[in-house]
Amino acid sequence: MTTEPAPTTETATPRTPVHWAADAVLAVLLVALEAAALLGGFFYAAFANWDDTTPGPPPFSWGSDAWLFVYVGVLGLLAALASYGLFRARAPFSGSTQGMAAALLAILLVVMGTAAYRAAHPQEERPSDPGTSGPSRQCRSGGDNSECNGS
């Protein structure tokens, strides 16, 4: 009884790293491309509603600038995917810069969301010392009510 030899598995050839100069140039070009795309989106958002006399609905008429949130989110997702691909291609500098760009775009998205929420939900003025005015008057010591502010 003869047995066939076990099939050999081919080992993957190790990837050669990208030259450091090409990696640096690629990193600069990708960051410049993302900055131009982000700036273009913000300029479009700034000028889209400038002329109210344009007939017809404005482009991206979602009732607000919600499309800008999607735009920044998609740019951040593309930067994160590019970072993963660049690390897989053994371009560490470019991968790192794309990872940082993705993180900055995520932070920008949170800041934009916070600003939009605060603009949509204005709060009333709060006093600097809650113990001196308003309905939440507090006593300064454990004594009777005569030691409380406003009584």
C-alpha atoms as a PDB file:
ATOM      1  CA  MET A   1       0.000   0.000   0.000  1.00  0.00           C
ATOM      2  CA  THR A   2       1.512   3.233  -1.110  1.00  0.00           C
ATOM      3  CA  THR A   3       0.549   6.601   0.199  1.00  0.00           C
ATOM      4  CA  GLU A   4       0.731   9.744  -1.763  1.00  0.00           C
ATOM      5  CA  PRO A   5       2.869  12.470  -0.335  1.00  0.00           C
ATOM      6  CA  ALA A   6       0.989  15.180   1.503  1.00  0.00           C
ATOM      7  CA  PRO A   7       0.303  18.212  -0.625  1.00  0.00           C
ATOM      8  CA  THR A   8       2.823  20.928   0.025  1.00  0.00           C
ATOM      9  CA  THR A   9       1.596  24.290   1.010  1.00  0.00           C
ATOM     10  CA  GLU A  10       3.288  27.168  -0.641  1.00  0.00           C
ATOM     11  CA  THR A  11       4.571  29.700   1.754  1.00  0.00           C
ATOM     12  CA  ALA A  12       3.688  33.260   1.021  1.00  0.00           C
ATOM     13  CA  THR A  13       6.577  35.293  -0.173  1.00  0.00           C
ATOM     14  CA  PRO A  14       7.323  38.094   2.229  1.00  0.00           C
ATOM     15  CA  ARG A  15       6.377  41.514   0.974  1.00  0.00           C
ATOM     16  CA  THR A  16       9.159  43.938   0.517  1.00  0.00           C
ATOM     17  CA  PRO A  17       8.634  47.208   2.322  1.00  0.00           C
ATOM     18  CA  VAL A  18       8.041  50.372   0.370  1.00  0.00           C
ATOM     19  CA  HIS A  19      11.073  52.628   0.061  1.00  0.00           C
ATOM     20  CA  TRP A  20      11.031  55.279   2.768  1.00  0.00           C
ATOM     21  CA  ALA A  21      11.138  58.191   0.287  1.00  0.00           C
ATOM     22  CA  ALA A  22       8.220  56.825  -1.737  1.00  0.00           C
ATOM     23  CA  ASP A  23       6.369  56.220   1.510  1.00  0.00           C
ATOM     24  CA  ALA A  24       6.901  59.830   2.619  1.00  0.00           C
ATOM     25  CA  VAL A  25       5.847  61.259  -0.768  1.00  0.00           C
ATOM     26  CA  LEU A  26       2.743  59.064  -0.796  1.00  0.00           C
ATOM     27  CA  ALA A  27       1.869  60.191   2.733  1.00  0.00           C
ATOM     28  CA  VAL A  28       2.151  63.875   1.803  1.00  0.00           C
ATOM     29  CA  LEU A  29       0.125  63.401  -1.387  1.00  0.00           C
ATOM     30  CA  LEU A  30      -2.670  61.512   0.366  1.00  0.00           C
ATOM     31  CA  VAL A  31      -2.947  64.051   3.180  1.00  0.00           C
ATOM     32  CA  ALA A  32      -2.999  66.893   0.640  1.00  0.00           C
ATOM     33  CA  LEU A  33      -5.706  65.089  -1.338  1.00  0.00           C
ATOM     34  CA  GLU A  34      -7.822  64.601   1.790  1.00  0.00           C
ATOM     35  CA  ALA A  35      -7.328  68.220   2.853  1.00  0.00           C
ATOM     36  CA  ALA A  36      -8.396  69.416  -0.604  1.00  0.00           C
ATOM     37  CA  ALA A  37     -11.483  67.176  -0.529  1.00  0.00           C
ATOM     38  CA  LEU A  38     -12.411  68.377   2.957  1.00  0.00           C
ATOM     39  CA  LEU A  39     -11.868  72.010   2.044  1.00  0.00           C
ATOM     40  CA  GLY A  40     -13.932  71.549  -1.118  1.00  0.00           C
ATOM     41  CA  GLY A  41     -16.804  70.105   0.901  1.00  0.00           C
ATOM     42  CA  PHE A  42     -16.711  72.967   3.373  1.00  0.00           C
ATOM     43  CA  PHE A  43     -16.577  75.573   0.603  1.00  0.00           C
ATOM     44  CA  TYR A  44     -19.534  73.929  -1.087  1.00  0.00           C
ATOM     45  CA  ALA A  45     -21.449  73.966   2.198  1.00  0.00           C
ATOM     46  CA  ALA A  46     -20.572  77.612   2.744  1.00  0.00           C
ATOM     47  CA  PHE A  47     -21.619  78.760  -0.714  1.00  0.00           C
ATOM     48  CA  ALA A  48     -24.545  76.388  -1.358  1.00  0.00           C
ATOM     49  CA  ASN A  49     -27.085  78.464   0.545  1.00  0.00           C
ATOM     50  CA  TRP A  50     -25.624  81.861  -0.251  1.00  0.00           C
ATOM     51  CA  ASP A  51     -27.953  82.716  -3.120  1.00  0.00           C
ATOM     52  CA  ASP A  52     -31.555  82.174  -2.026  1.00  0.00           C
ATOM     53  CA  THR A  53     -32.954  83.399  -5.354  1.00  0.00           C
ATOM     54  CA  THR A  54     -31.938  80.249  -7.221  1.00  0.00           C
ATOM     55  CA  PRO A  55     -35.076  78.553  -8.570  1.00  0.00           C
ATOM     56  CA  GLY A  56     -35.752  75.014  -7.485  1.00  0.00           C
ATOM     57  CA  PRO A  57     -34.644  73.127  -4.448  1.00  0.00           C
ATOM     58  CA  PRO A  58     -31.081  73.622  -3.241  1.00  0.00           C
ATOM     59  CA  PRO A  59     -28.709  70.738  -3.879  1.00  0.00           C
ATOM     60  CA  PHE A  60     -28.633  68.208  -1.033  1.00  0.00           C
ATOM     61  CA  SER A  61     -31.846  69.607   0.405  1.00  0.00           C
ATOM     62  CA  TRP A  62     -32.103  67.407   3.473  1.00  0.00           C
ATOM     63  CA  GLY A  63     -33.437  70.293   5.476  1.00  0.00           C
ATOM     64  CA  SER A  64     -30.030  71.015   6.965  1.00  0.00           C
ATOM     65  CA  ASP A  65     -26.395  70.424   6.295  1.00  0.00           C
ATOM     66  CA  ALA A  66     -26.656  66.767   7.277  1.00  0.00           C
ATOM     67  CA  TRP A  67     -24.931  65.756   4.043  1.00  0.00           C
ATOM     68  CA  LEU A  68     -21.780  67.422   5.360  1.00  0.00           C
ATOM     69  CA  PHE A  69     -21.733  64.974   8.279  1.00  0.00           C
ATOM     70  CA  VAL A  70     -22.009  62.086   5.823  1.00  0.00           C
ATOM     71  CA  TYR A  71     -19.270  63.621   3.660  1.00  0.00           C
ATOM     72  CA  VAL A  72     -16.833  63.957   6.568  1.00  0.00           C
ATOM     73  CA  GLY A  73     -17.732  60.466   7.786  1.00  0.00           C
ATOM     74  CA  VAL A  74     -17.070  58.948   4.369  1.00  0.00           C
ATOM     75  CA  LEU A  75     -13.729  60.773   4.147  1.00  0.00           C
ATOM     76  CA  GLY A  76     -12.803  59.397   7.567  1.00  0.00           C
ATOM     77  CA  LEU A  77     -13.826  55.889   6.559  1.00  0.00           C
ATOM     78  CA  LEU A  78     -11.778  56.132   3.365  1.00  0.00           C
ATOM     79  CA  ALA A  79      -8.771  57.330   5.368  1.00  0.00           C
ATOM     80  CA  ALA A  80      -9.141  54.398   7.784  1.00  0.00           C
ATOM     81  CA  LEU A  81      -9.381  51.914   4.909  1.00  0.00           C
ATOM     82  CA  ALA A  82      -6.370  53.514   3.219  1.00  0.00           C
ATOM     83  CA  SER A  83      -4.453  53.232   6.488  1.00  0.00           C
ATOM     84  CA  TYR A  84      -5.223  49.534   6.706  1.00  0.00           C
ATOM     85  CA  GLY A  85      -4.222  48.954   3.082  1.00  0.00           C
ATOM     86  CA  LEU A  86      -1.008  50.922   3.455  1.00  0.00           C
ATOM     87  CA  PHE A  87      -0.002  48.992   6.551  1.00  0.00           C
ATOM     88  CA  ARG A  88      -0.695  45.765   4.650  1.00  0.00           C
ATOM     89  CA  ALA A  89       1.477  47.057   1.790  1.00  0.00           C
ATOM     90  CA  ARG A  90       4.253  47.746   4.312  1.00  0.00           C
ATOM     91  CA  ALA A  91       4.162  51.511   3.980  1.00  0.00           C
ATOM     92  CA  PRO A  92       4.249  52.418   7.673  1.00  0.00           C
ATOM     93  CA  PHE A  93       4.644  56.180   7.384  1.00  0.00           C
ATOM     94  CA  SER A  94       1.747  56.549   4.968  1.00  0.00           C
ATOM     95  CA  GLY A  95      -0.357  54.148   7.015  1.00  0.00           C
ATOM     96  CA  SER A  96       0.340  56.127  10.177  1.00  0.00           C
ATOM     97  CA  THR A  97      -0.531  59.468   8.597  1.00  0.00           C
ATOM     98  CA  GLN A  98      -3.752  58.036   7.189  1.00  0.00           C
ATOM     99  CA  GLY A  99      -4.605  56.625  10.614  1.00  0.00           C
ATOM    100  CA  MET A 100      -4.050  60.043  12.167  1.00  0.00           C
ATOM    101  CA  ALA A 101      -6.133  61.664   9.425  1.00  0.00           C
ATOM    102  CA  ALA A 102      -8.948  59.194  10.118  1.00  0.00           C
ATOM    103  CA  ALA A 103      -8.762  59.966  13.844  1.00  0.00           C
ATOM    104  CA  LEU A 104      -8.817  63.724  13.195  1.00  0.00           C
ATOM    105  CA  LEU A 105     -11.804  63.356  10.893  1.00  0.00           C
ATOM    106  CA  ALA A 106     -13.612  61.349  13.576  1.00  0.00           C
ATOM    107  CA  ILE A 107     -12.877  64.102  16.111  1.00  0.00           C
ATOM    108  CA  LEU A 108     -14.087  66.706  13.595  1.00  0.00           C
ATOM    109  CA  LEU A 109     -17.288  64.723  13.143  1.00  0.00           C
ATOM    110  CA  VAL A 110     -17.910  64.704  16.912  1.00  0.00           C
ATOM    111  CA  VAL A 111     -17.189  68.443  17.179  1.00  0.00           C
ATOM    112  CA  MET A 112     -19.523  69.198  14.268  1.00  0.00           C
ATOM    113  CA  GLY A 113     -22.249  67.054  15.809  1.00  0.00           C
ATOM    114  CA  THR A 114     -21.866  68.746  19.173  1.00  0.00           C
ATOM    115  CA  ALA A 115     -22.018  72.206  17.607  1.00  0.00           C
ATOM    116  CA  ALA A 116     -25.093  71.278  15.565  1.00  0.00           C
ATOM    117  CA  TYR A 117     -26.823  69.849  18.637  1.00  0.00           C
ATOM    118  CA  ARG A 118     -26.079  72.960  20.697  1.00  0.00           C
ATOM    119  CA  ALA A 119     -27.340  75.190  17.899  1.00  0.00           C
ATOM    120  CA  ALA A 120     -30.564  73.174  17.637  1.00  0.00           C
ATOM    121  CA  HIS A 121     -31.117  73.010  21.411  1.00  0.00           C
ATOM    122  CA  PRO A 122     -30.197  76.358  22.949  1.00  0.00           C
ATOM    123  CA  GLN A 123     -30.085  76.352  26.722  1.00  0.00           C
ATOM    124  CA  GLU A 124     -31.112  79.108  29.034  1.00  0.00           C
ATOM    125  CA  GLU A 125     -28.522  81.175  30.811  1.00  0.00           C
ATOM    126  CA  ARG A 126     -27.174  79.491  33.930  1.00  0.00           C
ATOM    127  CA  PRO A 127     -25.950  81.487  36.921  1.00  0.00           C
ATOM    128  CA  SER A 128     -22.302  81.179  37.813  1.00  0.00           C
ATOM    129  CA  ASP A 129     -23.061  80.301  41.470  1.00  0.00           C
ATOM    130  CA  PRO A 130     -26.146  78.086  41.832  1.00  0.00           C
ATOM    131  CA  GLY A 131     -26.312  78.755  45.591  1.00  0.00           C
ATOM    132  CA  THR A 132     -27.030  82.473  45.276  1.00  0.00           C
ATOM    133  CA  SER A 133     -30.034  82.587  42.981  1.00  0.00           C
ATOM    134  CA  GLY A 134     -32.600  80.455  41.249  1.00  0.00           C
ATOM    135  CA  PRO A 135     -34.711  77.581  42.515  1.00  0.00           C
ATOM    136  CA  SER A 136     -31.726  75.571  43.752  1.00  0.00           C
ATOM    137  CA  ARG A 137     -30.775  77.690  46.773  1.00  0.00           C
ATOM    138  CA  GLN A 138     -28.471  75.861  49.120  1.00  0.00           C
ATOM    139  CA  CYS A 139     -27.696  76.337  52.758  1.00  0.00           C
ATOM    140  CA  ARG A 140     -24.128  77.171  53.684  1.00  0.00           C
ATOM    141  CA  SER A 141     -24.108  75.180  56.913  1.00  0.00           C
ATOM    142  CA  GLY A 142     -26.144  72.531  58.662  1.00  0.00           C
ATOM    143  CA  GLY A 143     -28.147  75.064  60.673  1.00  0.00           C
ATOM    144  CA  ASP A 144     -31.730  76.163  60.285  1.00  0.00           C
ATOM    145  CA  ASN A 145     -33.301  77.907  57.253  1.00  0.00           C
ATOM    146  CA  SER A 146     -32.232  81.356  58.427  1.00  0.00           C
ATOM    147  CA  GLU A 147     -28.700  80.583  57.237  1.00  0.00           C
ATOM    148  CA  CYS A 148     -29.822  79.785  53.673  1.00  0.00           C
ATOM    149  CA  ASN A 149     -29.411  82.322  50.871  1.00  0.00           C
ATOM    150  CA  GLY A 150     -32.565  84.084  49.846  1.00  0.00           C
ATOM    151  CA  SER A 151     -34.591  83.248  52.930  1.00  0.00           C
END
